[in-house]
C-alpha atoms as a PDB file:
ATOM      1  CA  MET A   1       4.374 -43.008  31.675  1.00  0.00           C
ATOM      2  CA  LYS A   2       2.586 -39.716  32.669  1.00  0.00           C
ATOM      3  CA  ILE A   3       0.014 -41.989  34.671  1.00  0.00           C
ATOM      4  CA  LYS A   4       2.367 -42.884  37.391  1.00  0.00           C
ATOM      5  CA  TRP A   5       0.730 -45.796  38.869  1.00  0.00           C
ATOM      6  CA  LEU A   6       1.595 -44.418  42.161  1.00  0.00           C
ATOM      7  CA  CYS A   7       0.082 -41.104  41.344  1.00  0.00           C
ATOM      8  CA  SER A   8      -2.816 -43.044  39.683  1.00  0.00           C
ATOM      9  CA  PHE A   9      -4.031 -44.581  42.825  1.00  0.00           C
ATOM     10  CA  LEU A  10      -2.305 -42.973  45.405  1.00  0.00           C
ATOM     11  CA  LEU A  11      -1.694 -39.123  44.577  1.00  0.00           C
ATOM     12  CA  THR A  12      -3.514 -38.825  41.167  1.00  0.00           C
ATOM     13  CA  LEU A  13      -3.704 -35.381  39.987  1.00  0.00           C
ATOM     14  CA  MET A  14      -6.109 -34.593  37.446  1.00  0.00           C
ATOM     15  CA  LEU A  15      -7.726 -31.196  36.217  1.00  0.00           C
ATOM     16  CA  GLY A  16     -11.366 -31.454  36.151  1.00  0.00           C
ATOM     17  CA  SER A  17     -12.328 -30.458  32.407  1.00  0.00           C
ATOM     18  CA  THR A  18     -15.671 -31.318  30.703  1.00  0.00           C
ATOM     19  CA  ALA A  19     -14.115 -30.379  27.703  1.00  0.00           C
ATOM     20  CA  HIS A  20     -11.838 -33.364  27.602  1.00  0.00           C
ATOM     21  CA  ALA A  21     -14.318 -35.603  28.651  1.00  0.00           C
ATOM     22  CA  ALA A  22     -16.562 -34.351  25.694  1.00  0.00           C
ATOM     23  CA  GLU A  23     -13.859 -36.003  23.367  1.00  0.00           C
ATOM     24  CA  ILE A  24     -14.828 -39.521  24.511  1.00  0.00           C
ATOM     25  CA  GLY A  25     -18.146 -40.712  23.139  1.00  0.00           C
ATOM     26  CA  PRO A  26     -20.630 -43.313  24.169  1.00  0.00           C
ATOM     27  CA  TYR A  27     -19.368 -46.709  24.370  1.00  0.00           C
ATOM     28  CA  ASP A  28     -18.811 -48.443  21.036  1.00  0.00           C
ATOM     29  CA  ARG A  29     -17.185 -51.900  20.742  1.00  0.00           C
ATOM     30  CA  ALA A  30     -15.829 -50.973  17.401  1.00  0.00           C
ATOM     31  CA  THR A  31     -13.613 -48.209  18.703  1.00  0.00           C
ATOM     32  CA  ALA A  32     -12.994 -49.843  22.007  1.00  0.00           C
ATOM     33  CA  GLU A  33      -9.208 -50.189  21.927  1.00  0.00           C
ATOM     34  CA  LYS A  34      -8.824 -46.648  20.378  1.00  0.00           C
ATOM     35  CA  ASP A  35     -11.193 -45.145  23.108  1.00  0.00           C
ATOM     36  CA  GLY A  36      -9.120 -47.022  25.720  1.00  0.00           C
ATOM     37  CA  ARG A  37      -5.922 -45.655  24.690  1.00  0.00           C
ATOM     38  CA  ARG A  38      -7.539 -42.165  24.373  1.00  0.00           C
ATOM     39  CA  ILE A  39      -9.044 -42.376  27.894  1.00  0.00           C
ATOM     40  CA  PHE A  40      -5.274 -42.890  29.168  1.00  0.00           C
ATOM     41  CA  ASP A  41      -3.881 -40.365  27.058  1.00  0.00           C
ATOM     42  CA  ILE A  42      -6.343 -37.736  28.504  1.00  0.00           C
ATOM     43  CA  ALA A  43      -5.757 -38.567  31.927  1.00  0.00           C
ATOM     44  CA  ASP A  44      -2.051 -38.925  31.257  1.00  0.00           C
ATOM     45  CA  HIS A  45      -2.044 -35.288  30.636  1.00  0.00           C
ATOM     46  CA  PHE A  46      -4.329 -34.369  33.502  1.00  0.00           C
ATOM     47  CA  ASN A  47      -1.858 -35.934  35.701  1.00  0.00           C
ATOM     48  CA  GLU A  48       0.295 -33.316  36.674  1.00  0.00           C
ATOM     49  CA  PRO A  49       0.168 -29.720  38.518  1.00  0.00           C
ATOM     50  CA  GLU A  50       1.129 -26.691  36.315  1.00  0.00           C
ATOM     51  CA  LYS A  51       4.824 -26.524  38.273  1.00  0.00           C
ATOM     52  CA  ASP A  52       4.965 -28.715  41.281  1.00  0.00           C
ATOM     53  CA  LEU A  53       3.146 -30.766  44.010  1.00  0.00           C
ATOM     54  CA  LEU A  54       4.092 -31.094  47.603  1.00  0.00           C
ATOM     55  CA  ALA A  55       2.353 -33.671  49.601  1.00  0.00           C
ATOM     56  CA  TYR A  56       2.802 -34.895  53.397  1.00  0.00           C
ATOM     57  CA  THR A  57       1.408 -38.145  53.743  1.00  0.00           C
ATOM     58  CA  ARG A  58       0.870 -40.859  56.495  1.00  0.00           C
ATOM     59  CA  MET A  59       1.390 -44.384  55.496  1.00  0.00           C
ATOM     60  CA  THR A  60      -0.022 -47.364  57.233  1.00  0.00           C
ATOM     61  CA  LEU A  61       0.895 -51.058  56.718  1.00  0.00           C
ATOM     62  CA  LYS A  62      -1.225 -53.772  57.798  1.00  0.00           C
ATOM     63  CA  SER A  63      -1.134 -57.611  57.784  1.00  0.00           C
ATOM     64  CA  GLY A  64      -4.729 -58.823  58.109  1.00  0.00           C
ATOM     65  CA  ASP A  65      -6.185 -56.434  60.558  1.00  0.00           C
ATOM     66  CA  THR A  66      -3.045 -56.053  62.533  1.00  0.00           C
ATOM     67  CA  VAL A  67      -1.036 -52.590  62.166  1.00  0.00           C
ATOM     68  CA  ARG A  68       2.624 -53.592  61.363  1.00  0.00           C
ATOM     69  CA  ASP A  69       4.134 -50.302  60.538  1.00  0.00           C
ATOM     70  CA  THR A  70       3.366 -46.460  60.310  1.00  0.00           C
ATOM     71  CA  ARG A  71       5.505 -44.261  58.395  1.00  0.00           C
ATOM     72  CA  LYS A  72       5.641 -40.519  57.272  1.00  0.00           C
ATOM     73  CA  VAL A  73       6.169 -39.867  53.817  1.00  0.00           C
ATOM     74  CA  ILE A  74       6.898 -36.749  51.769  1.00  0.00           C
ATOM     75  CA  LEU A  75       6.064 -36.761  48.096  1.00  0.00           C
ATOM     76  CA  LYS A  76       7.326 -34.251  45.832  1.00  0.00           C
ATOM     77  CA  GLU A  77       6.619 -33.761  42.125  1.00  0.00           C
ATOM     78  CA  PHE A  78       8.325 -31.198  39.597  1.00  0.00           C
ATOM     79  CA  THR A  79       6.985 -30.721  35.982  1.00  0.00           C
ATOM     80  CA  ASP A  80       9.135 -29.611  33.256  1.00  0.00           C
ATOM     81  CA  GLY A  81       7.481 -29.277  30.194  1.00  0.00           C
ATOM     82  CA  ASP A  82       5.748 -32.818  29.084  1.00  0.00           C
ATOM     83  CA  LEU A  83       7.914 -34.607  31.592  1.00  0.00           C
ATOM     84  CA  SER A  84       8.194 -34.604  35.320  1.00  0.00           C
ATOM     85  CA  ARG A  85      10.264 -35.917  38.047  1.00  0.00           C
ATOM     86  CA  ILE A  86       8.970 -37.484  41.512  1.00  0.00           C
ATOM     87  CA  LEU A  87      10.521 -38.038  44.877  1.00  0.00           C
ATOM     88  CA  PHE A  88       9.273 -40.081  47.529  1.00  0.00           C
ATOM     89  CA  ARG A  89      10.926 -40.063  50.911  1.00  0.00           C
ATOM     90  CA  PHE A  90      10.217 -42.017  54.329  1.00  0.00           C
ATOM     91  CA  THR A  91      10.888 -39.167  57.239  1.00  0.00           C
ATOM     92  CA  ASP A  92      10.518 -41.591  60.118  1.00  0.00           C
ATOM     93  CA  SER A  93      10.744 -45.190  61.169  1.00  0.00           C
ATOM     94  CA  LEU A  94      13.311 -47.476  60.548  1.00  0.00           C
ATOM     95  CA  LYS A  95      12.974 -46.503  56.836  1.00  0.00           C
ATOM     96  CA  ARG A  96      13.862 -42.730  57.786  1.00  0.00           C
ATOM     97  CA  GLY A  97      15.655 -41.059  54.621  1.00  0.00           C
ATOM     98  CA  LEU A  98      15.092 -43.821  52.291  1.00  0.00           C
ATOM     99  CA  THR A  99      14.553 -41.827  49.048  1.00  0.00           C
ATOM    100  CA  PHE A 100      12.878 -42.892  45.693  1.00  0.00           C
ATOM    101  CA  LEU A 101      13.359 -40.822  42.582  1.00  0.00           C
ATOM    102  CA  THR A 102      11.492 -41.150  39.043  1.00  0.00           C
ATOM    103  CA  ILE A 103      12.904 -39.440  36.150  1.00  0.00           C
ATOM    104  CA  GLU A 104      10.420 -39.288  33.063  1.00  0.00           C
ATOM    105  CA  THR A 105      12.099 -39.702  29.918  1.00  0.00           C
ATOM    106  CA  ASN A 106      11.280 -39.458  26.216  1.00  0.00           C
ATOM    107  CA  GLY A 107      12.756 -42.847  25.712  1.00  0.00           C
ATOM    108  CA  PRO A 108      11.405 -46.442  26.042  1.00  0.00           C
ATOM    109  CA  THR A 109      11.901 -46.434  29.901  1.00  0.00           C
ATOM    110  CA  ASN A 110      12.010 -44.038  32.714  1.00  0.00           C
ATOM    111  CA  ASP A 111      14.790 -43.743  35.123  1.00  0.00           C
ATOM    112  CA  GLN A 112      14.522 -44.804  38.686  1.00  0.00           C
ATOM    113  CA  TYR A 113      16.745 -44.576  41.728  1.00  0.00           C
ATOM    114  CA  LEU A 114      16.706 -45.758  45.322  1.00  0.00           C
ATOM    115  CA  TYR A 115      18.590 -43.916  48.030  1.00  0.00           C
ATOM    116  CA  VAL A 116      19.395 -45.527  51.238  1.00  0.00           C
ATOM    117  CA  PRO A 117      21.363 -43.755  53.967  1.00  0.00           C
ATOM    118  CA  ALA A 118      23.255 -46.596  55.111  1.00  0.00           C
ATOM    119  CA  ILE A 119      24.712 -47.186  51.636  1.00  0.00           C
ATOM    120  CA  GLY A 120      25.100 -43.393  50.790  1.00  0.00           C
ATOM    121  CA  ARG A 121      24.728 -43.427  47.392  1.00  0.00           C
ATOM    122  CA  PRO A 122      21.827 -43.836  44.654  1.00  0.00           C
ATOM    123  CA  ARG A 123      21.319 -47.340  42.996  1.00  0.00           C
ATOM    124  CA  GLN A 124      19.748 -47.376  39.585  1.00  0.00           C
ATOM    125  CA  ILE A 125      16.525 -49.568  39.488  1.00  0.00           C
ATOM    126  CA  ALA A 126      17.251 -52.399  36.776  1.00  0.00           C
ATOM    127  CA  SER A 127      14.366 -53.174  34.349  1.00  0.00           C
ATOM    128  CA  GLN A 128      13.844 -56.417  35.645  1.00  0.00           C
ATOM    129  CA  ASP A 129      13.321 -55.153  38.924  1.00  0.00           C
ATOM    130  CA  ARG A 130      10.515 -52.842  38.097  1.00  0.00           C
ATOM    131  CA  GLN A 131       7.565 -54.911  39.234  1.00  0.00           C
ATOM    132  CA  ASN A 132       9.353 -55.872  42.599  1.00  0.00           C
ATOM    133  CA  ASN A 133       7.424 -54.582  45.882  1.00  0.00           C
ATOM    134  CA  PHE A 134       8.670 -51.414  47.185  1.00  0.00           C
ATOM    135  CA  GLU A 135      10.013 -51.515  50.559  1.00  0.00           C
ATOM    136  CA  ASP A 136       7.360 -53.959  51.798  1.00  0.00           C
ATOM    137  CA  THR A 137       4.336 -51.888  50.507  1.00  0.00           C
ATOM    138  CA  ASP A 138       1.610 -52.886  48.040  1.00  0.00           C
ATOM    139  CA  MET A 139       3.125 -50.874  45.470  1.00  0.00           C
ATOM    140  CA  THR A 140       5.820 -52.039  43.097  1.00  0.00           C
ATOM    141  CA  ASN A 141       8.890 -49.770  41.798  1.00  0.00           C
ATOM    142  CA  GLU A 142       6.941 -49.521  38.682  1.00  0.00           C
ATOM    143  CA  ASP A 143       3.944 -48.088  40.336  1.00  0.00           C
ATOM    144  CA  LEU A 144       5.988 -45.157  41.367  1.00  0.00           C
ATOM    145  CA  GLY A 145       6.289 -43.914  37.790  1.00  0.00           C
ATOM    146  CA  GLY A 146       8.220 -46.516  35.927  1.00  0.00           C
ATOM    147  CA  LEU A 147       5.414 -47.345  33.408  1.00  0.00           C
ATOM    148  CA  LYS A 148       5.206 -46.236  29.933  1.00  0.00           C
ATOM    149  CA  LEU A 149       1.571 -45.895  28.113  1.00  0.00           C
ATOM    150  CA  ASP A 150       3.371 -47.806  25.123  1.00  0.00           C
ATOM    151  CA  ASP A 151       4.111 -50.623  27.531  1.00  0.00           C
ATOM    152  CA  TYR A 152       0.350 -51.571  27.563  1.00  0.00           C
ATOM    153  CA  THR A 153      -2.477 -52.240  25.109  1.00  0.00           C
ATOM    154  CA  TYR A 154      -5.979 -50.840  25.883  1.00  0.00           C
ATOM    155  CA  LYS A 155      -9.486 -51.656  25.417  1.00  0.00           C
ATOM    156  CA  ARG A 156     -12.503 -49.910  26.712  1.00  0.00           C
ATOM    157  CA  GLY A 157     -15.395 -51.604  28.410  1.00  0.00           C
ATOM    158  CA  ARG A 158     -19.078 -50.656  29.101  1.00  0.00           C
ATOM    159  CA  ASP A 159     -19.241 -47.505  30.990  1.00  0.00           C
ATOM    160  CA  ALA A 160     -20.211 -48.386  34.743  1.00  0.00           C
ATOM    161  CA  ALA A 161     -21.195 -46.455  38.031  1.00  0.00           C
ATOM    162  CA  LEU A 162     -18.882 -46.685  40.825  1.00  0.00           C
ATOM    163  CA  ALA A 163     -19.394 -44.837  44.221  1.00  0.00           C
ATOM    164  CA  GLY A 164     -22.098 -42.856  42.778  1.00  0.00           C
ATOM    165  CA  HIS A 165     -19.900 -41.600  39.951  1.00  0.00           C
ATOM    166  CA  ALA A 166     -20.146 -42.468  36.309  1.00  0.00           C
ATOM    167  CA  CYS A 167     -16.787 -44.056  35.233  1.00  0.00           C
ATOM    168  CA  TYR A 168     -15.071 -45.183  32.050  1.00  0.00           C
ATOM    169  CA  LYS A 169     -13.874 -48.595  32.250  1.00  0.00           C
ATOM    170  CA  VAL A 170     -10.631 -49.561  30.553  1.00  0.00           C
ATOM    171  CA  THR A 171      -8.326 -52.779  30.630  1.00  0.00           C
ATOM    172  CA  ALA A 172      -4.789 -52.298  30.135  1.00  0.00           C
ATOM    173  CA  ARG A 173      -2.589 -55.601  29.223  1.00  0.00           C
ATOM    174  CA  ALA A 174       1.098 -55.527  29.279  1.00  0.00           C
ATOM    175  CA  LYS A 175       2.927 -56.281  26.019  1.00  0.00           C
ATOM    176  CA  ALA A 176       5.703 -58.040  27.922  1.00  0.00           C
ATOM    177  CA  THR A 177       5.224 -61.898  28.445  1.00  0.00           C
ATOM    178  CA  ASP A 178       7.222 -61.715  31.674  1.00  0.00           C
ATOM    179  CA  ALA A 179       5.126 -59.074  33.260  1.00  0.00           C
ATOM    180  CA  ARG A 180       4.453 -59.943  36.908  1.00  0.00           C
ATOM    181  CA  PHE A 181       1.065 -58.275  36.637  1.00  0.00           C
ATOM    182  CA  PRO A 182       0.084 -58.445  32.968  1.00  0.00           C
ATOM    183  CA  LYS A 183      -3.653 -57.209  33.294  1.00  0.00           C
ATOM    184  CA  ARG A 184      -4.965 -53.846  35.182  1.00  0.00           C
ATOM    185  CA  ILE A 185      -8.643 -52.929  35.248  1.00  0.00           C
ATOM    186  CA  ALA A 186      -9.147 -49.096  35.947  1.00  0.00           C
ATOM    187  CA  TRP A 187     -12.484 -47.042  36.599  1.00  0.00           C
ATOM    188  CA  PHE A 188     -11.797 -43.530  35.727  1.00  0.00           C
ATOM    189  CA  ASN A 189     -14.456 -40.792  36.890  1.00  0.00           C
ATOM    190  CA  GLN A 190     -15.934 -39.200  33.907  1.00  0.00           C
ATOM    191  CA  GLU A 191     -15.973 -35.848  35.128  1.00  0.00           C
ATOM    192  CA  ASN A 192     -11.932 -35.664  36.361  1.00  0.00           C
ATOM    193  CA  PHE A 193     -10.468 -38.834  35.054  1.00  0.00           C
ATOM    194  CA  ILE A 194      -9.241 -39.900  38.684  1.00  0.00           C
ATOM    195  CA  PRO A 195      -9.227 -43.675  38.824  1.00  0.00           C
ATOM    196  CA  LEU A 196     -11.413 -44.376  41.613  1.00  0.00           C
ATOM    197  CA  GLN A 197     -10.711 -48.176  41.488  1.00  0.00           C
ATOM    198  CA  ILE A 198      -7.834 -50.150  40.019  1.00  0.00           C
ATOM    199  CA  LYS A 199      -7.936 -54.087  39.965  1.00  0.00           C
ATOM    200  CA  VAL A 200      -4.608 -55.744  39.424  1.00  0.00           C
ATOM    201  CA  TYR A 201      -4.330 -59.567  38.233  1.00  0.00           C
ATOM    202  CA  ASN A 202      -1.188 -61.723  38.282  1.00  0.00           C
ATOM    203  CA  ARG A 203       0.208 -64.157  35.682  1.00  0.00           C
ATOM    204  CA  ASP A 204      -2.429 -66.822  36.749  1.00  0.00           C
ATOM    205  CA  ASN A 205      -4.790 -64.274  36.070  1.00  0.00           C
ATOM    206  CA  LYS A 206      -6.056 -63.953  39.500  1.00  0.00           C
ATOM    207  CA  LEU A 207      -7.243 -60.774  41.138  1.00  0.00           C
ATOM    208  CA  GLN A 208      -3.953 -59.947  43.407  1.00  0.00           C
ATOM    209  CA  ARG A 209      -4.430 -56.230  44.226  1.00  0.00           C
ATOM    210  CA  VAL A 210      -7.117 -53.745  44.549  1.00  0.00           C
ATOM    211  CA  ILE A 211      -6.690 -50.137  45.018  1.00  0.00           C
ATOM    212  CA  VAL A 212      -9.127 -47.543  45.778  1.00  0.00           C
ATOM    213  CA  ALA A 213      -9.072 -43.717  46.024  1.00  0.00           C
ATOM    214  CA  GLY A 214     -11.564 -41.640  47.910  1.00  0.00           C
ATOM    215  CA  ASP A 215     -11.901 -38.423  50.031  1.00  0.00           C
ATOM    216  CA  VAL A 216     -11.292 -36.378  46.744  1.00  0.00           C
ATOM    217  CA  ARG A 217     -10.381 -32.667  47.545  1.00  0.00           C
ATOM    218  CA  THR A 218      -9.813 -29.687  45.299  1.00  0.00           C
ATOM    219  CA  ILE A 219      -6.415 -28.183  46.057  1.00  0.00           C
ATOM    220  CA  GLY A 220      -4.965 -25.203  43.799  1.00  0.00           C
ATOM    221  CA  GLY A 221      -7.322 -26.253  41.052  1.00  0.00           C
ATOM    222  CA  ILE A 222      -6.334 -29.975  41.093  1.00  0.00           C
ATOM    223  CA  HIS A 223      -8.194 -32.891  42.290  1.00  0.00           C
ATOM    224  CA  LEU A 224      -6.480 -35.094  44.907  1.00  0.00           C
ATOM    225  CA  PRO A 225      -7.677 -38.356  46.548  1.00  0.00           C
ATOM    226  CA  PHE A 226      -6.601 -37.600  50.349  1.00  0.00           C
ATOM    227  CA  LYS A 227      -7.085 -41.345  51.074  1.00  0.00           C
ATOM    228  CA  THR A 228      -6.147 -44.559  49.180  1.00  0.00           C
ATOM    229  CA  VAL A 229      -6.387 -47.974  50.061  1.00  0.00           C
ATOM    230  CA  ALA A 230      -4.125 -50.755  48.312  1.00  0.00           C
ATOM    231  CA  LYS A 231      -4.726 -54.245  49.341  1.00  0.00           C
ATOM    232  CA  ASP A 232      -3.091 -57.364  48.171  1.00  0.00           C
ATOM    233  CA  LEU A 233      -5.730 -60.022  48.483  1.00  0.00           C
ATOM    234  CA  ILE A 234      -3.356 -63.020  48.256  1.00  0.00           C
ATOM    235  CA  GLU A 235      -0.795 -61.787  50.778  1.00  0.00           C
ATOM    236  CA  ASP A 236      -3.646 -60.114  52.745  1.00  0.00           C
ATOM    237  CA  HIS A 237      -1.549 -57.208  53.281  1.00  0.00           C
ATOM    238  CA  THR A 238      -2.679 -53.667  53.023  1.00  0.00           C
ATOM    239  CA  THR A 239      -1.100 -50.086  52.448  1.00  0.00           C
ATOM    240  CA  ILE A 240      -3.119 -47.123  53.153  1.00  0.00           C
ATOM    241  CA  LEU A 241      -2.125 -43.719  52.339  1.00  0.00           C
ATOM    242  CA  GLU A 242      -3.638 -40.604  53.756  1.00  0.00           C
ATOM    243  CA  ILE A 243      -2.647 -36.934  52.819  1.00  0.00           C
ATOM    244  CA  VAL A 244      -2.238 -34.768  55.953  1.00  0.00           C
ATOM    245  CA  ARG A 245      -1.752 -31.518  53.636  1.00  0.00           C
ATOM    246  CA  ALA A 246      -0.982 -30.644  50.228  1.00  0.00           C
ATOM    247  CA  GLU A 247       0.458 -27.796  48.476  1.00  0.00           C
ATOM    248  CA  VAL A 248       0.534 -27.000  44.625  1.00  0.00           C
ATOM    249  CA  ASP A 249       2.849 -24.909  42.712  1.00  0.00           C
ATOM    250  CA  SER A 250       4.528 -23.785  46.215  1.00  0.00           C
ATOM    251  CA  GLY A 251       8.075 -23.248  44.413  1.00  0.00           C
ATOM    252  CA  ILE A 252       9.681 -26.639  44.880  1.00  0.00           C
ATOM    253  CA  ASP A 253      13.581 -26.300  44.299  1.00  0.00           C
ATOM    254  CA  PRO A 254      14.210 -28.398  40.843  1.00  0.00           C
ATOM    255  CA  LEU A 255      17.460 -29.146  42.251  1.00  0.00           C
ATOM    256  CA  ASP A 256      16.125 -31.540  44.800  1.00  0.00           C
ATOM    257  CA  PHE A 257      15.246 -33.875  41.859  1.00  0.00           C
ATOM    258  CA  ASP A 258      19.055 -34.449  41.036  1.00  0.00           C
ATOM    259  CA  LYS A 259      19.778 -38.120  41.536  1.00  0.00           C
ATOM    260  CA  GLU A 260      23.206 -36.917  42.912  1.00  0.00           C
ATOM    261  CA  LYS A 261      21.455 -34.985  45.598  1.00  0.00           C
ATOM    262  CA  MET A 262      19.114 -37.747  46.960  1.00  0.00           C
ATOM    263  CA  GLY A 263      20.715 -37.956  50.228  1.00  0.00           C
ATOM    264  CA  ALA A 264      20.680 -34.144  50.925  1.00  0.00           C
ATOM    265  CA  ALA A 265      18.648 -32.719  53.591  1.00  0.00           C
ATOM    266  CA  TRP A 266      14.996 -31.044  52.566  1.00  0.00           C
ATOM    267  CA  LYS A 267      13.780 -27.872  53.730  1.00  0.00           C
ATOM    268  CA  GLU A 268      10.463 -29.579  53.960  1.00  0.00           C
ATOM    269  CA  SER A 269       9.963 -31.423  57.280  1.00  0.00           C
ATOM    270  CA  PHE A 270       7.059 -33.788  58.532  1.00  0.00           C
END
């Protein structure tokens, strides 16, 4: 899925284009399902740089009001035609060197790998582990690019205003009956298709996670939220991601995205 849920609410990249927005007409209950999928389709294509993205990020983990850990993260994305690859690496703390790779495919699933320095080789994430939390954050492995658009059905709701922005509201429901989080409601900014808020519901249909994106800036012609807060309401746990700096189409080496090189040193440091 090109709307990588990590990039959707943590590092969403979407070109601002009123031409695409014009393709979405006023809310109509009769076309709500088609419109819902169409909104996700448009955002999906907007969700990539022309070539690559490099983001230096600071992560804060909180239990209640108490800060439990802070981590530096480097995120890389490389676009190859209609598909992309994403690398996510911790560069300090006890998680230093831990690297996560998502490889988009044209098949029914995307490939995901976790590299832990102490083990020294990548481990592929099994399909049944896709909705497990990633390294005690408020993200799942699936959030880091494991989703496919066809994994969900969609229904547009009535448009709404959020943080002063007109938004498309779309509910996505998982087709899999065993999904840990079977329902998500997203509010997309109508001007640039950034999801300003996502609400995630568990199997008991209780609101469990809320993700809010803000401080949107334009870098290299791309809109990018520089601060995102993801909160698990049931666990009272929060992940805050703040971009320190970002570079678009800077010439990242495509070889960095080889699963056999996940443990290699990067020229980028933070």
